[in-house]
Protein backbone atom coordinates (compact mmCIF):
# COMPACT_ATOMS: atom_id res chain seq x y z
CA MET A 1 0.00 0.00 0.00
CA LYS A 2 2.85 2.37 0.90
CA LYS A 3 4.53 1.67 -2.47
CA ILE A 4 1.32 2.50 -4.33
CA THR A 5 0.94 5.73 -2.36
CA ALA A 6 4.56 6.70 -3.04
CA LEU A 7 4.16 5.94 -6.73
CA ALA A 8 0.98 8.01 -6.93
CA ALA A 9 2.73 10.93 -5.22
CA ALA A 10 5.65 10.68 -7.64
CA LEU A 11 3.29 10.70 -10.61
CA VAL A 12 1.53 13.78 -9.27
CA LEU A 13 4.87 15.58 -8.83
CA CYS A 14 5.98 14.61 -12.34
CA ALA A 15 2.71 15.79 -13.82
CA ALA A 16 2.94 19.09 -11.95
CA HIS A 17 6.51 19.63 -13.13
CA ALA A 18 5.66 18.77 -16.72
CA SER A 19 2.88 21.38 -16.82
CA ALA A 20 4.90 24.23 -15.30
CA TYR A 21 7.18 26.84 -16.84
CA GLU A 22 10.26 27.75 -14.81
CA ASN A 23 12.76 30.56 -15.15
CA SER A 24 15.36 30.01 -12.42
CA TYR A 25 17.27 33.19 -13.29
CA ALA A 26 14.09 35.24 -12.94
CA GLY A 27 13.28 33.35 -9.75
CA TYR A 28 9.82 32.04 -10.53
CA SER A 29 7.75 29.21 -11.92
CA VAL A 30 4.15 29.23 -13.11
CA LYS A 31 1.75 26.39 -13.82
CA ASP A 32 0.78 26.82 -17.44
CA GLY A 33 -1.04 23.52 -17.98
CA GLN A 34 0.59 22.74 -21.36
CA PRO A 35 -1.04 25.69 -23.17
CA TYR A 36 -2.10 25.58 -26.79
CA TYR A 37 -0.27 28.85 -27.40
CA LYS A 38 2.71 30.37 -25.62
CA LEU A 39 5.26 33.11 -26.18
CA GLU A 40 8.61 33.41 -24.47
CA ALA A 41 11.27 36.12 -24.51
CA LYS A 42 14.06 37.19 -22.21
CA LYS A 43 11.85 38.81 -19.60
CA VAL A 44 8.33 37.82 -20.52
CA TYR A 45 6.33 34.60 -20.68
CA ALA A 46 2.76 34.54 -22.02
CA TYR A 47 0.37 31.62 -22.43
CA THR A 48 -3.28 30.72 -22.83
CA ASN A 49 -5.27 29.21 -20.00
CA ILE A 50 -6.64 26.53 -22.35
CA SER A 51 -4.44 23.46 -22.79
CA SER A 52 -3.29 22.04 -26.10
CA LYS A 53 -5.55 19.02 -25.51
CA LYS A 54 -8.73 21.08 -25.07
CA ALA A 55 -8.21 23.67 -27.78
CA TYR A 56 -10.72 23.41 -30.63
CA GLN A 57 -12.48 20.50 -28.95
CA ASN A 58 -14.90 22.84 -27.21
CA GLU A 59 -15.78 25.99 -29.11
CA GLU A 60 -17.19 27.66 -25.98
CA ASP A 61 -13.96 27.10 -24.03
CA LEU A 62 -11.90 28.54 -26.87
CA LYS A 63 -14.12 31.60 -27.11
CA ASN A 64 -13.51 32.28 -23.42
CA THR A 65 -9.74 31.79 -23.56
CA ALA A 66 -7.72 34.09 -21.33
CA VAL A 67 -4.09 35.03 -21.89
CA ASN A 68 -1.71 35.21 -18.94
CA ILE A 69 1.50 37.23 -19.05
CA VAL A 70 4.39 37.23 -16.58
CA ASN A 71 6.94 40.06 -16.66
CA TYR A 72 9.81 40.36 -14.23
CA TYR A 73 12.13 43.19 -13.26
CA THR A 74 15.38 43.07 -11.29
CA ALA A 75 16.20 45.64 -8.61
CA GLU A 76 18.44 47.38 -11.16
CA ASP A 77 15.60 47.50 -13.70
CA MET A 78 13.25 48.97 -11.12
CA GLU A 79 15.77 51.61 -10.07
CA GLN A 80 15.88 52.82 -13.68
CA ILE A 81 12.06 52.87 -13.82
CA LEU A 82 11.39 54.45 -10.43
CA GLY A 83 14.44 56.67 -10.10
CA GLU A 84 15.10 55.27 -6.64
CA LYS A 85 16.34 52.07 -5.01
CA PHE A 86 13.96 49.12 -5.15
CA SER A 87 13.67 46.07 -2.92
CA THR A 88 10.94 43.77 -1.68
CA ALA A 89 10.94 45.85 1.53
CA TYR A 90 10.21 48.93 -0.64
CA PHE A 91 7.32 47.05 -2.26
CA ASP A 92 5.92 45.97 1.12
CA ALA A 93 6.00 49.59 2.36
CA GLU A 94 4.12 50.77 -0.77
CA TYR A 95 1.65 47.92 -0.33
CA GLU A 96 0.90 48.93 3.27
CA LYS A 97 0.57 52.60 2.31
CA LEU A 98 -1.92 51.84 -0.47
CA ALA A 99 -3.81 49.35 1.73
CA LEU A 100 -4.25 52.07 4.38
CA LEU A 101 -5.63 54.46 1.78
CA GLU A 102 -8.04 51.79 0.60
CA ARG A 103 -9.24 51.05 4.13
CA SER A 104 -9.73 54.79 4.63
CA GLN A 105 -11.79 54.85 1.42
CA LEU A 106 -9.38 57.33 -0.12
CA ASN A 107 -8.45 57.24 -3.78
CA PRO A 108 -4.92 55.72 -4.15
CA LYS A 109 -4.43 57.88 -7.22
CA THR A 110 -4.41 61.02 -5.05
CA VAL A 111 -1.09 60.00 -3.46
CA PRO A 112 2.21 59.70 -5.37
CA ALA A 113 2.82 56.02 -6.07
CA PRO A 114 5.66 55.44 -8.56
CA LEU A 115 4.89 51.70 -8.70
CA LEU A 116 1.53 52.46 -10.32
CA GLU A 117 2.94 54.64 -13.11
CA LEU A 118 2.73 51.91 -15.74
CA GLU A 119 3.80 54.18 -18.59
CA LYS A 120 7.30 54.10 -17.09
CA TYR A 121 7.39 50.32 -17.48
CA ALA A 122 6.51 50.73 -21.16
CA GLU A 123 9.51 53.02 -21.60
CA HIS A 124 11.68 50.17 -20.28
CA ASP A 125 10.54 47.72 -22.99
CA SER A 126 13.74 48.22 -24.97
CA ASN A 127 15.52 46.16 -22.32
CA GLY A 128 13.83 42.96 -23.51
CA ASN A 129 10.51 43.35 -21.74
CA VAL A 130 7.11 43.76 -23.38
CA THR A 131 4.28 44.81 -21.09
CA ILE A 132 0.58 44.53 -21.76
CA GLN A 133 0.30 48.25 -21.04
CA SER A 134 2.73 49.17 -23.82
CA LYS A 135 1.22 46.94 -26.51
CA VAL A 136 -2.46 46.13 -25.92
CA LEU A 137 -3.22 49.41 -24.13
CA LYS A 138 -0.74 51.67 -25.89
CA GLU A 139 -2.18 55.17 -26.40
CA LYS A 140 -5.36 54.11 -24.55
CA LEU A 141 -4.21 54.45 -20.94
CA ASP A 142 -5.33 58.09 -20.78
CA GLN A 143 -8.82 57.09 -21.93
CA LEU A 144 -9.27 54.31 -19.39
CA THR A 145 -10.08 54.54 -15.71
CA PRO A 146 -8.08 52.00 -13.71
CA VAL A 147 -9.55 50.15 -10.76
CA ILE A 148 -6.90 49.73 -8.06
CA LYS A 149 -7.20 47.05 -5.37
CA VAL A 150 -4.75 46.17 -2.62
CA GLY A 151 -4.93 42.82 -0.88
CA LYS A 152 -3.77 39.25 -0.86
CA ILE A 153 -4.58 36.99 -3.80
CA ALA A 154 -3.81 33.30 -3.37
CA GLY A 155 -1.84 34.22 -0.25
CA LYS A 156 0.37 36.76 -2.03
CA LYS A 157 0.52 40.48 -1.32
CA ALA A 158 -0.72 42.02 -4.56
CA ILE A 159 -1.32 45.51 -5.85
CA THR A 160 -3.78 44.99 -8.69
CA ILE A 161 -4.60 47.44 -11.45
CA SER A 162 -7.61 46.54 -13.60
CA TYR A 163 -8.92 48.02 -16.82
CA ILE A 164 -12.45 47.17 -17.90
CA TYR A 165 -13.54 48.43 -21.28
CA LYS A 166 -15.52 47.79 -24.43
CA GLN A 167 -13.98 47.79 -27.89
CA SER A 168 -15.79 46.85 -31.11
CA ASP A 169 -18.68 45.24 -29.18
CA VAL A 170 -16.25 43.07 -27.20
CA LEU A 171 -15.85 43.32 -23.43
CA PHE A 172 -12.26 43.27 -22.13
CA LYS A 173 -10.88 43.07 -18.61
CA ILE A 174 -7.14 43.32 -18.03
CA ASP A 175 -5.87 42.61 -14.53
CA THR A 176 -2.23 43.28 -13.64
CA SER A 177 -1.10 42.26 -10.17
CA MET A 178 2.25 43.40 -8.82
CA VAL A 179 3.97 41.01 -6.44
CA SER A 180 7.52 41.01 -5.13
CA ALA A 181 10.04 38.52 -3.79
CA ASN A 182 13.84 38.44 -3.53
CA ASP A 183 14.07 42.11 -4.53
CA ARG A 184 12.38 41.45 -7.86
CA LEU A 185 9.07 42.82 -9.09
CA TYR A 186 6.71 40.59 -11.03
CA LEU A 187 3.81 41.82 -13.13
CA LEU A 188 1.20 39.07 -13.43
CA SER A 189 -1.39 40.03 -16.05
CA THR A 190 -4.51 38.33 -17.34
CA VAL A 191 -6.34 39.46 -20.47
CA ASN A 192 -9.97 38.31 -20.47
CA SER A 193 -12.57 38.97 -23.13
CA ASP A 194 -16.24 38.23 -23.71
CA GLN A 195 -17.91 38.44 -27.11
CA ASP A 196 -21.48 37.93 -25.90
CA VAL A 197 -22.20 40.72 -23.40
CA TYR A 198 -22.18 43.53 -25.98
CA ALA A 199 -22.84 41.48 -29.10
CA PRO A 200 -25.62 42.94 -31.29
CA LYS A 201 -28.90 41.18 -30.58
CA LYS A 202 -30.37 39.00 -33.29
CA ASP A 203 -33.43 41.22 -33.60
CA GLU A 204 -31.12 44.23 -34.15
CA LYS A 205 -29.21 42.40 -36.88
CA ALA A 206 -32.45 41.42 -38.58
CA ALA A 207 -34.09 44.84 -38.23
CA ASP A 208 -32.98 46.05 -41.64
CA ALA A 209 -33.83 42.76 -43.28
CA ASP A 210 -37.32 42.80 -41.77
CA THR A 211 -38.14 46.33 -42.93
CA ASP A 212 -41.25 46.22 -45.13
CA VAL A 213 -40.72 47.35 -48.70
CA ASP A 214 -43.68 48.17 -50.96
CA ILE A 215 -43.55 46.23 -54.22
CA ASP A 216 -44.67 49.35 -56.06
CA ASP A 217 -41.61 51.17 -54.75
CA ILE A 218 -39.40 48.45 -56.19
CA GLU A 219 -41.11 48.71 -59.55
CA ASP A 220 -40.64 52.49 -59.57
CA ILE A 221 -36.87 52.24 -59.20
CA ASP A 222 -34.97 53.26 -62.31
CA THR A 223 -32.53 50.36 -62.62
CA ASP A 224 -30.28 52.24 -65.02
CA GLU A 225 -30.04 55.16 -62.61
CA ALA A 226 -29.46 52.85 -59.64
CA GLY A 227 -26.76 51.03 -61.54
CA SER A 228 -25.00 54.23 -62.48
CA GLU A 229 -25.14 55.46 -58.88
CA ASP A 230 -23.65 52.18 -57.71
CA GLU A 231 -20.89 52.43 -60.30
CA ALA A 232 -20.21 56.01 -59.26
CA ALA A 233 -19.87 54.90 -55.66
CA LYS A 234 -17.26 52.36 -56.68
CA THR A 235 -15.22 54.85 -58.70
CA LYS A 236 -15.53 57.74 -56.25
CA PRO A 237 -12.15 58.15 -54.50
CA GLN A 238 -12.30 57.52 -50.78
CA ASP A 239 -10.75 60.06 -48.47
CA VAL A 240 -7.69 58.67 -46.64
CA ALA A 241 -8.53 60.73 -43.57
CA SER A 242 -12.07 59.32 -43.43
CA ILE A 243 -10.78 55.75 -43.66
CA LYS A 244 -8.29 56.45 -40.89
CA GLU A 245 -11.07 57.99 -38.81
CA ALA A 246 -13.30 54.94 -39.36
CA VAL A 247 -10.51 52.56 -38.29
CA GLU A 248 -9.69 54.64 -35.23
CA LYS A 249 -13.39 54.80 -34.33
CA ALA A 250 -13.63 51.02 -34.50
CA MET A 251 -10.61 50.77 -32.18
CA GLN A 252 -11.93 53.28 -29.67
CA VAL A 253 -12.29 52.11 -26.09
CA GLU A 254 -15.11 52.85 -23.68
CA ASN A 255 -14.88 52.43 -19.92
CA VAL A 256 -17.22 49.88 -18.40
CA ALA A 257 -18.31 49.93 -14.76
CA LEU A 258 -17.99 46.77 -12.67
CA ARG A 259 -21.70 46.88 -11.89
CA ASP A 260 -22.52 46.61 -15.60
CA ILE A 261 -20.79 43.25 -16.02
CA PRO A 262 -22.92 40.11 -15.50
CA ALA A 263 -21.96 38.28 -12.30
CA GLU A 264 -21.20 35.04 -14.15
CA THR A 265 -18.83 36.83 -16.54
CA MET A 266 -17.06 38.60 -13.70
CA GLN A 267 -16.63 35.32 -11.82
CA ARG A 268 -14.98 33.78 -14.88
CA PHE A 269 -12.68 36.79 -15.27
CA ASP A 270 -11.70 36.77 -11.59
CA LYS A 271 -11.10 33.01 -11.55
CA ALA A 272 -8.73 33.21 -14.52
CA HIS A 273 -6.58 35.84 -12.79
CA THR A 274 -6.71 34.11 -9.41
CA ASP A 275 -5.59 30.86 -11.04
CA LEU A 276 -2.57 32.69 -12.45
CA LEU A 277 -1.50 33.86 -8.99
CA LYS A 278 -2.23 30.45 -7.48
CA GLY A 279 0.09 28.82 -10.00
CA PHE A 280 2.83 31.41 -9.59
CA LYS A 281 5.70 30.60 -7.24
CA ALA A 282 8.72 32.80 -6.49
CA PHE A 283 12.04 31.40 -5.27
CA ALA A 284 15.66 32.47 -4.89
CA PRO A 285 16.98 33.30 -8.38
CA THR A 286 20.10 31.69 -9.80
CA SER A 287 23.04 33.53 -11.37
CA THR A 288 22.79 31.79 -14.75
CA PRO A 289 20.46 33.43 -17.32
CA LYS A 290 17.81 31.15 -18.81
CA ASP A 291 18.29 30.13 -22.43
CA ILE A 292 15.45 30.99 -24.77
CA SER A 293 14.61 27.72 -26.50
CA PHE A 294 11.62 25.86 -27.89
CA THR A 295 10.88 22.16 -28.25
CA ASP A 296 8.89 20.35 -30.92
CA THR A 297 8.07 16.82 -29.76
CA ALA A 298 6.62 15.87 -33.13
CA VAL A 299 10.07 16.05 -34.71
CA GLY A 300 11.94 15.44 -31.46
CA LYS A 301 14.03 18.62 -31.68
CA SER A 302 14.84 21.62 -29.52
CA VAL A 303 16.34 24.90 -30.70
CA GLN A 304 18.25 27.33 -28.49
CA LEU A 305 17.71 30.87 -29.74
CA PRO A 306 19.92 33.96 -29.45
CA ASP A 307 19.57 35.94 -26.24
CA ASP A 308 17.47 38.78 -27.71
CA TRP A 309 15.04 36.52 -29.62
CA PHE A 310 11.52 35.42 -28.81
CA TYR A 311 9.32 32.61 -30.07
CA GLY A 312 5.60 31.97 -30.27
CA GLN A 313 4.35 28.39 -30.45
CA LEU A 314 0.96 26.93 -31.30
CA ASN A 315 0.49 23.37 -30.05
CA LEU A 316 -2.68 21.42 -30.78
CA ARG A 317 -3.21 17.85 -29.63
CA TYR A 318 -5.99 15.99 -31.33
CA LYS A 319 -7.38 12.90 -29.65
CA ASN A 320 -6.09 9.83 -31.50
CA LYS A 321 -4.82 12.09 -34.30
CA GLY A 322 -1.45 13.27 -33.01
CA THR A 323 0.07 16.67 -32.33
CA PHE A 324 0.44 19.75 -34.53
CA TYR A 325 3.14 22.38 -33.87
CA LEU A 326 3.60 25.80 -35.46
CA THR A 327 6.51 27.88 -34.16
CA MET A 328 7.72 31.32 -35.23
CA ALA A 329 10.84 33.02 -33.88
CA SER A 330 12.74 36.23 -34.50
CA SER A 331 14.61 39.05 -32.79
CA MET A 332 12.47 40.94 -30.28
CA LYS A 333 14.36 44.16 -30.93
CA GLN A 334 13.92 43.85 -34.70
CA MET A 335 10.18 43.22 -34.41
CA GLN A 336 9.80 46.23 -32.11
CA GLU A 337 11.67 48.36 -34.67
CA VAL A 338 9.43 47.03 -37.47
CA ALA A 339 6.32 47.91 -35.46
CA ALA A 340 7.67 51.37 -34.62
CA ASN A 341 8.45 52.11 -38.27
CA THR A 342 5.24 50.77 -39.82
CA ASP A 343 3.53 53.59 -41.72
CA TYR A 344 -0.16 53.11 -40.94
CA ASP A 345 -1.17 56.14 -43.03
CA ASN A 346 0.33 54.27 -45.97
CA ILE A 347 -1.95 51.31 -45.20
CA TYR A 348 -5.01 53.59 -45.08
CA SER A 349 -3.99 55.00 -48.46
CA VAL A 350 -4.06 51.51 -49.98
CA PHE A 351 -7.68 51.05 -48.92
CA ALA A 352 -8.57 54.46 -50.31
CA ILE A 353 -7.83 53.45 -53.91
CA PRO A 354 -11.09 52.60 -55.76
CA ALA A 355 -11.01 49.08 -57.20
CA SER A 356 -12.25 50.47 -60.53
CA ASP A 357 -9.34 52.91 -60.83
CA PRO A 358 -7.53 52.06 -64.11
CA GLU A 359 -4.21 52.62 -62.32
CA TYR A 360 -5.25 50.63 -59.26
CA GLN A 361 -2.54 47.96 -59.59
CA GLN A 362 0.29 50.46 -60.08
CA LYS A 363 -0.88 52.70 -57.25
CA PHE A 364 -1.30 49.68 -54.99
CA MET A 365 2.21 48.39 -55.75
CA ASP A 366 3.75 51.85 -55.23
CA LEU A 367 2.20 52.14 -51.78
CA TYR A 368 3.00 48.51 -50.96
CA THR A 369 6.63 49.01 -51.98
CA SER A 370 6.94 52.15 -49.87
CA GLY A 371 5.50 50.41 -46.81
CA MET A 372 7.56 47.26 -47.28
CA ARG A 373 10.79 49.25 -47.48
CA ASN A 374 10.16 50.54 -43.97
CA VAL A 375 9.71 46.96 -42.77
CA LEU A 376 12.66 45.42 -44.62
CA GLU A 377 15.03 48.11 -43.33
CA HIS A 378 14.67 46.56 -39.87
CA TRP A 379 13.75 42.92 -40.56
CA ASN A 380 16.80 40.61 -40.62
CA HIS A 381 15.66 37.16 -39.46
CA LEU A 382 12.60 34.91 -39.38
CA LEU A 383 12.36 31.26 -38.37
CA VAL A 384 9.22 29.17 -38.94
CA THR A 385 8.77 25.46 -38.20
CA VAL A 386 5.71 23.27 -38.72
CA SER A 387 5.40 19.66 -37.59
CA VAL A 388 2.77 16.98 -37.23
CA ASP A 389 3.07 13.48 -35.79
CA ASN A 390 0.95 10.32 -35.78
CA ILE A 391 0.16 10.82 -39.44
CA ASN A 392 -1.69 8.11 -41.29
CA ASP A 393 -1.39 9.40 -44.81
CA ALA A 394 -1.32 7.01 -47.75
CA ASP A 395 0.59 9.49 -49.91
CA ALA A 396 3.41 9.76 -47.36
CA LYS A 397 3.73 5.99 -47.15
CA GLU A 398 3.70 5.72 -50.92
CA LEU A 399 6.45 8.37 -51.08
CA LEU A 400 8.72 6.14 -48.97
CA ALA A 401 7.66 2.84 -50.56
CA THR A 402 9.67 3.42 -53.74
CA PRO A 403 12.28 5.98 -52.69
CA VAL A 404 14.44 6.03 -55.82
CA ALA A 405 11.62 6.61 -58.30
CA ASN A 406 9.85 9.13 -56.08
CA ARG A 407 13.07 11.00 -55.41
CA LEU A 408 13.61 11.49 -59.14
CA ALA A 409 10.02 12.65 -59.62
CA VAL A 410 10.07 15.11 -56.71
CA GLU A 411 13.50 16.41 -57.70
CA SER A 412 12.30 17.08 -61.23
CA ILE A 413 9.16 18.92 -60.08
CA ILE A 414 10.94 21.13 -57.54
CA ASN A 415 13.91 22.02 -59.74
CA ASP A 416 11.61 22.79 -62.64
CA GLY A 417 9.48 25.04 -60.43
CA LEU A 418 12.52 26.89 -59.07
CA GLN A 419 13.92 27.41 -62.53
CA ARG A 420 10.59 28.86 -63.69
CA MET A 421 10.50 31.13 -60.64
CA LYS A 422 14.01 32.34 -61.45
CA GLY A 423 12.86 33.27 -64.94
CA PHE A 424 9.83 35.19 -63.68
CA SER A 425 11.85 37.48 -61.39
CA ASN A 426 10.88 41.19 -61.32
CA GLU A 427 11.63 44.40 -59.43
CA TYR A 428 9.67 43.23 -56.39
CA PHE A 429 11.02 39.70 -56.07
CA ALA A 430 13.96 37.96 -57.70
CA LEU A 431 15.28 34.44 -57.20
CA LYS A 432 18.99 34.92 -57.82
CA ASP A 433 20.35 31.43 -57.20
CA TYR A 434 19.44 28.17 -55.52
CA LYS A 435 20.74 24.75 -54.53
CA THR A 436 18.72 21.64 -53.77
CA ASN A 437 19.36 18.40 -51.94
CA PHE A 438 17.27 15.21 -51.95
CA ASP A 439 17.71 12.16 -49.72
CA PHE A 440 15.06 9.43 -49.91
CA THR A 441 15.10 6.03 -48.18
CA GLN A 442 12.36 3.63 -47.15
CA GLU A 443 12.53 5.03 -43.61
CA LYS A 444 12.55 8.77 -44.29
CA ALA A 445 12.76 11.49 -46.90
CA LEU A 446 14.56 14.86 -46.85
CA ILE A 447 14.26 17.77 -49.25
CA GLY A 448 16.61 20.72 -48.82
CA ILE A 449 16.44 24.04 -50.66
CA ASN A 450 18.90 26.91 -50.20
CA ALA A 451 17.90 29.99 -52.20
CA ASP A 452 19.16 33.56 -52.49
CA THR A 453 16.51 36.18 -53.19
CA ASP A 454 16.25 39.94 -53.64
CA LEU A 455 13.24 41.86 -52.35
CA LEU A 456 12.56 45.28 -53.88
CA LYS A 457 16.00 45.00 -55.54
CA ASP A 458 17.85 46.41 -52.52
CA PHE A 459 17.27 43.75 -49.84
CA ALA A 460 19.10 40.46 -50.26
CA TYR A 461 18.00 37.42 -48.25
CA ASN A 462 19.12 33.81 -47.92
CA ASN A 463 16.31 31.29 -47.53
CA LYS A 464 16.85 27.81 -46.13
CA ILE A 465 13.99 25.30 -46.44
CA LEU A 466 14.02 21.75 -45.08
CA LEU A 467 11.13 19.33 -45.66
CA SER A 468 11.32 15.95 -43.97
CA CYS A 469 9.07 13.01 -43.17
CA ASN A 470 9.18 9.44 -41.94
CA GLN A 471 6.52 6.78 -41.56
CA LYS A 472 4.84 8.60 -38.64
CA ALA A 473 5.62 12.30 -38.78
CA ALA A 474 6.42 15.23 -41.06
CA THR A 475 8.09 18.59 -40.54
CA ALA A 476 9.06 21.73 -42.44
CA MET A 477 11.50 24.49 -41.53
CA LEU A 478 12.00 27.92 -43.13
CA PHE A 479 14.82 30.21 -42.06
CA ILE A 480 15.16 33.63 -43.71
CA LYS A 481 18.03 36.02 -43.02
CA LYS A 482 19.61 39.03 -44.64
CA THR A 483 22.76 37.97 -46.43
CA ASP A 484 24.80 40.80 -44.88
CA THR A 485 23.69 39.92 -41.33
CA GLU A 486 25.68 37.70 -39.02
CA THR A 487 23.86 34.73 -37.48
CA GLU A 488 25.08 32.72 -34.53
CA LYS A 489 26.84 29.59 -35.81
CA SER A 490 25.19 27.45 -33.15
CA LEU A 491 21.74 28.46 -34.40
CA GLU A 492 22.55 27.64 -38.02
CA GLN A 493 23.98 24.28 -36.96
CA GLN A 494 20.80 23.42 -35.05
CA LEU A 495 18.63 24.38 -38.00
CA ASN A 496 20.70 22.28 -40.40
CA GLU A 497 19.72 19.28 -38.27
CA TRP A 498 15.98 20.02 -38.37
CA HIS A 499 14.98 16.75 -39.99
CA PHE A 500 14.40 13.09 -39.22
């Protein structure tokens, strides 16, 4: 009996460990429950509260998915943000001060509280951190009224700032709890949304359709005139400013009072955030920084990324149908520079071109080229991998059944397609050169393509593609980099081995 109990306890511990993310350098772990989507960077970890096993099996669960984000700051980081020394003792003093104000029914915002000035955290993003306040709520903080609560959540002293708002008929609630341990500050955020509370009612949607129309009125319509008016509407140039205004109007936020949220919805929101704090555990940090790496069990590979990179991974597990992985990785700094240099007015201008304009294609390409140049100036790397296991595909098995014949056929098709692509090169895209490699056996197949391309004439990229499969799984890897950019040798070596 004792052996059975010990075994059961061991299994529980193993299961708990397997479903938890740990960053020993940051000094914390969090139970993420094997999420179907996660993102990791140097100082941020984000994940969904729906597991990879449940995703897309229950549409209602997926619709109510919450996203949890953990940011951490060292004492040195906080000193730069606050302009004064930070420690857990400093946090505890601020906590007690704010708690006293709350008990006295005074507004915490009336007293200077540097910890609550979230815009200062956003300014610190260049140091490898990405806060929810700087991305999701950027330029909206002044329009939103925060709700500040001070008290223990899951046994942890927490200063919680909440934003509750409506945007495009969707209700959002963002909770950010500040907790501290070992002279570090942790921001634990949960983004909840509900698409039902403010969704247009069915009778409202059908109101226009149900409007009575007299048949005589229809007969009196001059179809030629109506047609010409419709054609005029298509050819009439749209004002860029009006399109921009319409987009900005759709993105506007509106404060929502707690009392206006259904109790059941609020309970779901609160539970999601409480679960985050329950699963969060702080411990003494180590002196060795955590490597940023991702694992793909379908192909049985892990990749360690450069220090300033991030990755996002989608992981879906279908019952009796295997696992699907989609992973994208790049430099965090480069992506932030791309976002900062994206010309949104240029995008609005594209939508302002009437489809009937005889110069539509040329105008579209001119604007597209201008916008893409801004992106390509800052975009140096992109890594994408896709894998699936437990495949039961007759075509894959047939591919491996006669490897020599199929290798020749596949080689002919791919080389012919690449040669055609090289001949069709233009000022926007040019395939300059390529090399291919094919290795087929009865156990596995590998297709390798290494191609040099030019985008908009001035931006040269090297593209490495590996396609591989065996009897049970398949994977694909794409790695794009600027030819004049250095890449860590260890990364390239790992990617060269991305195959069965």
